[in-house]
C-alpha atoms as a PDB file:
ATOM      1  CA  MET A   1      32.890  -8.192  42.336  1.00  0.00           C
ATOM      2  CA  LEU A   2      30.311 -11.051  43.381  1.00  0.00           C
ATOM      3  CA  THR A   3      29.646  -8.657  46.492  1.00  0.00           C
ATOM      4  CA  LYS A   4      28.696  -5.773  44.584  1.00  0.00           C
ATOM      5  CA  LEU A   5      26.889  -8.173  42.136  1.00  0.00           C
ATOM      6  CA  ARG A   6      24.672 -10.162  45.281  1.00  0.00           C
ATOM      7  CA  SER A   7      23.676  -6.355  46.210  1.00  0.00           C
ATOM      8  CA  ASN A   8      22.370  -5.211  42.871  1.00  0.00           C
ATOM      9  CA  ARG A   9      19.237  -6.435  41.412  1.00  0.00           C
ATOM     10  CA  VAL A  10      20.446  -8.675  38.747  1.00  0.00           C
ATOM     11  CA  GLY A  11      22.017 -10.460  41.312  1.00  0.00           C
ATOM     12  CA  LYS A  12      19.120 -11.098  43.862  1.00  0.00           C
ATOM     13  CA  MET A  13      17.515 -12.071  40.841  1.00  0.00           C
ATOM     14  CA  VAL A  14      19.468 -14.309  40.160  1.00  0.00           C
ATOM     15  CA  LEU A  15      19.918 -15.952  43.417  1.00  0.00           C
ATOM     16  CA  GLY A  16      16.399 -16.275  43.893  1.00  0.00           C
ATOM     17  CA  LEU A  17      15.969 -17.914  40.535  1.00  0.00           C
ATOM     18  CA  LEU A  18      18.671 -20.463  42.099  1.00  0.00           C
ATOM     19  CA  LYS A  19      16.744 -20.650  45.329  1.00  0.00           C
ATOM     20  CA  GLN A  20      13.608 -21.479  43.749  1.00  0.00           C
ATOM     21  CA  GLY A  21      15.230 -24.657  42.581  1.00  0.00           C
ATOM     22  CA  MET A  22      16.891 -24.074  39.494  1.00  0.00           C
ATOM     23  CA  SER A  23      19.984 -25.505  38.337  1.00  0.00           C
ATOM     24  CA  ALA A  24      23.434 -23.778  37.668  1.00  0.00           C
ATOM     25  CA  GLN A  25      23.071 -25.508  34.087  1.00  0.00           C
ATOM     26  CA  LYS A  26      19.358 -24.554  33.450  1.00  0.00           C
ATOM     27  CA  LEU A  27      19.798 -20.769  34.574  1.00  0.00           C
ATOM     28  CA  SER A  28      23.314 -20.830  32.196  1.00  0.00           C
ATOM     29  CA  LEU A  29      21.159 -22.722  29.160  1.00  0.00           C
ATOM     30  CA  THR A  30      17.967 -20.239  30.070  1.00  0.00           C
ATOM     31  CA  LEU A  31      20.457 -17.061  29.561  1.00  0.00           C
ATOM     32  CA  SER A  32      22.474 -18.090  26.470  1.00  0.00           C
ATOM     33  CA  LEU A  33      19.192 -19.161  24.789  1.00  0.00           C
ATOM     34  CA  GLY A  34      17.867 -15.850  25.750  1.00  0.00           C
ATOM     35  CA  VAL A  35      20.814 -13.724  24.287  1.00  0.00           C
ATOM     36  CA  VAL A  36      21.393 -15.842  20.936  1.00  0.00           C
ATOM     37  CA  LEU A  37      17.949 -15.422  19.646  1.00  0.00           C
ATOM     38  CA  GLY A  38      17.562 -11.895  20.917  1.00  0.00           C
ATOM     39  CA  ILE A  39      20.074 -11.228  17.724  1.00  0.00           C
ATOM     40  CA  VAL A  40      18.350 -13.272  15.581  1.00  0.00           C
ATOM     41  CA  PRO A  41      18.440 -10.701  12.445  1.00  0.00           C
ATOM     42  CA  VAL A  42      14.655 -11.752  11.709  1.00  0.00           C
ATOM     43  CA  PHE A  43      11.930  -9.327  13.309  1.00  0.00           C
ATOM     44  CA  GLY A  44       8.881 -10.699  14.691  1.00  0.00           C
ATOM     45  CA  PHE A  45       8.721 -14.378  15.711  1.00  0.00           C
ATOM     46  CA  VAL A  46      11.969 -14.769  18.038  1.00  0.00           C
ATOM     47  CA  THR A  47       9.275 -14.088  20.831  1.00  0.00           C
ATOM     48  CA  ALA A  48       7.308 -17.153  20.512  1.00  0.00           C
ATOM     49  CA  VAL A  49      10.132 -19.129  19.323  1.00  0.00           C
ATOM     50  CA  CYS A  50      12.117 -18.842  22.592  1.00  0.00           C
ATOM     51  CA  ALA A  51       9.253 -19.332  24.272  1.00  0.00           C
ATOM     52  CA  GLY A  52       8.779 -22.529  22.136  1.00  0.00           C
ATOM     53  CA  ILE A  53      11.906 -23.901  23.060  1.00  0.00           C
ATOM     54  CA  ALA A  54      12.457 -22.769  26.798  1.00  0.00           C
ATOM     55  CA  ALA A  55       9.305 -24.611  27.335  1.00  0.00           C
ATOM     56  CA  TRP A  56      10.467 -27.887  25.480  1.00  0.00           C
ATOM     57  CA  TRP A  57      14.068 -28.002  27.671  1.00  0.00           C
ATOM     58  CA  ARG A  58      11.694 -26.760  30.910  1.00  0.00           C
ATOM     59  CA  LEU A  59      13.959 -23.671  31.310  1.00  0.00           C
ATOM     60  CA  ASN A  60      12.743 -20.777  33.070  1.00  0.00           C
ATOM     61  CA  ILE A  61      10.110 -19.013  30.077  1.00  0.00           C
ATOM     62  CA  PRO A  62       9.917 -15.123  31.601  1.00  0.00           C
ATOM     63  CA  LEU A  63      13.719 -15.266  32.565  1.00  0.00           C
ATOM     64  CA  ALA A  64      14.435 -16.190  28.895  1.00  0.00           C
ATOM     65  CA  ILE A  65      12.184 -14.274  27.587  1.00  0.00           C
ATOM     66  CA  ALA A  66      13.267 -11.008  29.742  1.00  0.00           C
ATOM     67  CA  VAL A  67      16.876 -11.861  28.440  1.00  0.00           C
ATOM     68  CA  LEU A  68      15.418 -11.548  25.142  1.00  0.00           C
ATOM     69  CA  TYR A  69      14.395  -8.349  25.063  1.00  0.00           C
ATOM     70  CA  ALA A  70      17.031  -7.254  27.388  1.00  0.00           C
ATOM     71  CA  VAL A  71      19.332  -7.521  24.458  1.00  0.00           C
ATOM     72  CA  MET A  72      16.573  -6.581  21.536  1.00  0.00           C
ATOM     73  CA  PRO A  73      18.542  -3.559  20.985  1.00  0.00           C
ATOM     74  CA  LEU A  74      21.201  -5.547  19.404  1.00  0.00           C
ATOM     75  CA  GLN A  75      19.011  -7.260  17.129  1.00  0.00           C
ATOM     76  CA  ILE A  76      18.613  -3.883  15.438  1.00  0.00           C
ATOM     77  CA  LEU A  77      22.578  -3.270  15.600  1.00  0.00           C
ATOM     78  CA  LEU A  78      23.160  -6.230  14.432  1.00  0.00           C
ATOM     79  CA  PHE A  79      20.989  -6.352  11.197  1.00  0.00           C
ATOM     80  CA  ILE A  80      23.167  -4.845   8.587  1.00  0.00           C
ATOM     81  CA  PRO A  81      26.290  -6.173  10.319  1.00  0.00           C
ATOM     82  CA  PHE A  82      24.450 -10.005   9.577  1.00  0.00           C
ATOM     83  CA  ILE A  83      23.895  -9.027   6.292  1.00  0.00           C
ATOM     84  CA  ARG A  84      26.946  -7.982   5.186  1.00  0.00           C
ATOM     85  CA  LEU A  85      28.425 -10.726   7.282  1.00  0.00           C
ATOM     86  CA  GLY A  86      25.937 -13.525   5.014  1.00  0.00           C
ATOM     87  CA  GLU A  87      26.679 -11.553   1.913  1.00  0.00           C
ATOM     88  CA  SER A  88      30.257 -12.485   2.030  1.00  0.00           C
ATOM     89  CA  ILE A  89      30.708 -15.341   3.742  1.00  0.00           C
ATOM     90  CA  PHE A  90      28.280 -17.318   1.031  1.00  0.00           C
ATOM     91  CA  GLY A  91      28.994 -15.546  -1.763  1.00  0.00           C
ATOM     92  CA  ILE A  92      25.458 -13.768  -2.110  1.00  0.00           C
ATOM     93  CA  SER A  93      25.371  -9.974  -3.679  1.00  0.00           C
ATOM     94  CA  LYS A  94      25.690  -7.128  -1.847  1.00  0.00           C
ATOM     95  CA  LEU A  95      22.074  -5.630  -1.237  1.00  0.00           C
ATOM     96  CA  VAL A  96      21.518  -1.637  -1.358  1.00  0.00           C
ATOM     97  CA  LEU A  97      20.540  -0.209   1.258  1.00  0.00           C
ATOM     98  CA  ALA A  98      20.470   3.492   0.359  1.00  0.00           C
ATOM     99  CA  PRO A  99      17.092   5.192   0.253  1.00  0.00           C
ATOM    100  CA  GLU A 100      17.383   6.206  -3.158  1.00  0.00           C
ATOM    101  CA  LYS A 101      18.601   3.195  -4.350  1.00  0.00           C
ATOM    102  CA  ILE A 102      16.200   1.161  -3.166  1.00  0.00           C
ATOM    103  CA  LEU A 103      13.030   3.129  -4.331  1.00  0.00           C
ATOM    104  CA  ASP A 104      14.942   2.683  -8.185  1.00  0.00           C
ATOM    105  CA  HIS A 105      15.536  -0.868  -7.608  1.00  0.00           C
ATOM    106  CA  LEU A 106      12.010  -0.717  -6.757  1.00  0.00           C
ATOM    107  CA  GLN A 107      11.162   0.916  -9.214  1.00  0.00           C
ATOM    108  CA  LEU A 108      12.266  -0.945 -12.002  1.00  0.00           C
ATOM    109  CA  ASP A 109      12.184  -5.050 -10.801  1.00  0.00           C
ATOM    110  CA  PRO A 110       9.995  -4.959  -7.726  1.00  0.00           C
ATOM    111  CA  LEU A 111      10.069  -8.916  -7.685  1.00  0.00           C
ATOM    112  CA  GLY A 112      13.884  -9.065  -7.980  1.00  0.00           C
ATOM    113  CA  TYR A 113      14.692  -6.910  -5.415  1.00  0.00           C
ATOM    114  CA  MET A 114      12.475  -8.751  -2.873  1.00  0.00           C
ATOM    115  CA  LEU A 115      14.388 -12.058  -3.653  1.00  0.00           C
ATOM    116  CA  GLN A 116      17.795 -10.196  -3.285  1.00  0.00           C
ATOM    117  CA  ILE A 117      16.520  -9.286  -0.125  1.00  0.00           C
ATOM    118  CA  TRP A 118      15.124 -13.025   0.487  1.00  0.00           C
ATOM    119  CA  HIS A 119      18.651 -14.094   0.038  1.00  0.00           C
ATOM    120  CA  SER A 120      20.579 -11.556   2.143  1.00  0.00           C
ATOM    121  CA  VAL A 121      18.545 -12.540   4.959  1.00  0.00           C
ATOM    122  CA  LEU A 122      19.014 -15.774   4.911  1.00  0.00           C
ATOM    123  CA  GLY A 123      22.409 -15.339   4.524  1.00  0.00           C
ATOM    124  CA  ALA A 124      21.908 -13.328   7.409  1.00  0.00           C
ATOM    125  CA  LEU A 125      20.554 -16.186   9.408  1.00  0.00           C
ATOM    126  CA  GLY A 126      23.498 -18.381   7.559  1.00  0.00           C
ATOM    127  CA  ALA A 127      25.982 -15.845   9.711  1.00  0.00           C
ATOM    128  CA  TRP A 128      23.665 -15.448  12.948  1.00  0.00           C
ATOM    129  CA  ALA A 129      23.769 -19.564  13.150  1.00  0.00           C
ATOM    130  CA  LEU A 130      27.524 -19.478  13.085  1.00  0.00           C
ATOM    131  CA  CYS A 131      27.553 -16.634  15.230  1.00  0.00           C
ATOM    132  CA  ALA A 132      25.216 -18.286  17.591  1.00  0.00           C
ATOM    133  CA  LEU A 133      27.070 -21.586  18.026  1.00  0.00           C
ATOM    134  CA  LEU A 134      30.328 -20.090  19.230  1.00  0.00           C
ATOM    135  CA  LEU A 135      28.487 -16.797  21.223  1.00  0.00           C
ATOM    136  CA  GLY A 136      26.237 -19.700  22.895  1.00  0.00           C
ATOM    137  CA  SER A 137      28.341 -22.102  23.976  1.00  0.00           C
ATOM    138  CA  ALA A 138      30.759 -18.558  25.355  1.00  0.00           C
ATOM    139  CA  ILE A 139      27.514 -17.029  27.328  1.00  0.00           C
ATOM    140  CA  TYR A 140      26.970 -20.379  28.811  1.00  0.00           C
ATOM    141  CA  TYR A 141      30.052 -21.096  30.022  1.00  0.00           C
ATOM    142  CA  LEU A 142      30.707 -17.992  31.647  1.00  0.00           C
ATOM    143  CA  SER A 143      27.224 -18.059  32.915  1.00  0.00           C
ATOM    144  CA  PHE A 144      27.666 -21.358  34.670  1.00  0.00           C
ATOM    145  CA  PHE A 145      30.974 -20.446  36.296  1.00  0.00           C
ATOM    146  CA  VAL A 146      29.746 -17.020  37.394  1.00  0.00           C
ATOM    147  CA  ILE A 147      26.341 -19.046  39.456  1.00  0.00           C
ATOM    148  CA  GLY A 148      29.016 -21.141  40.464  1.00  0.00           C
ATOM    149  CA  ARG A 149      31.223 -18.780  41.939  1.00  0.00           C
ATOM    150  CA  PHE A 150      27.520 -17.760  43.768  1.00  0.00           C
ATOM    151  CA  LYS A 151      27.390 -20.756  44.921  1.00  0.00           C
ATOM    152  CA  LYS A 152      30.464 -21.304  46.447  1.00  0.00           C
ATOM    153  CA  LYS A 153      30.243 -17.825  48.540  1.00  0.00           C
ATOM    154  CA  LYS A 154      26.909 -18.150  49.596  1.00  0.00           C
ATOM    155  CA  PRO A 155      24.471 -21.294  51.146  1.00  0.00           C
ATOM    156  CA  LEU A 156      22.044 -20.926  48.001  1.00  0.00           C
ATOM    157  CA  GLN A 157      19.261 -23.400  49.602  1.00  0.00           C
ATOM    158  CA  GLU A 158      18.088 -22.299  53.551  1.00  0.00           C
ATOM    159  CA  THR A 159      18.183 -26.127  56.195  1.00  0.00           C
ATOM    160  CA  PRO A 160      15.557 -26.536  57.977  1.00  0.00           C
END
């Protein structure tokens, strides 16, 4: 399996990053940061947050953003499940998501419906935070293990 991974583009990119002096810990942290922030249930500012955290922790910013963008389709797919999970965890009233009912709620009480959306999104962020701790840890340790296997199979630094 490792031989196949080394021959594809992703494997070559990972090996190239390791050859540039990026430690396995930092590479694993970069990957887990990109994935965890790529599924956050809030749209619009995640790229700046990812770049800021990657810069603060002195990680590979382009790699973190590339991973973030690679998993962003999951952000869209997981948005409603995070809302529902947050509602059940934090006891928030269920947000109405049927298009015809949304229009009814907006006509009857627009401010109330906006507040309900706000509460549901905050609940989704809470649910994401709980999931992010588990997911981020799992990705970090799994990628650290795989990268460690790369290092054992093939020397990464050329000897002069």
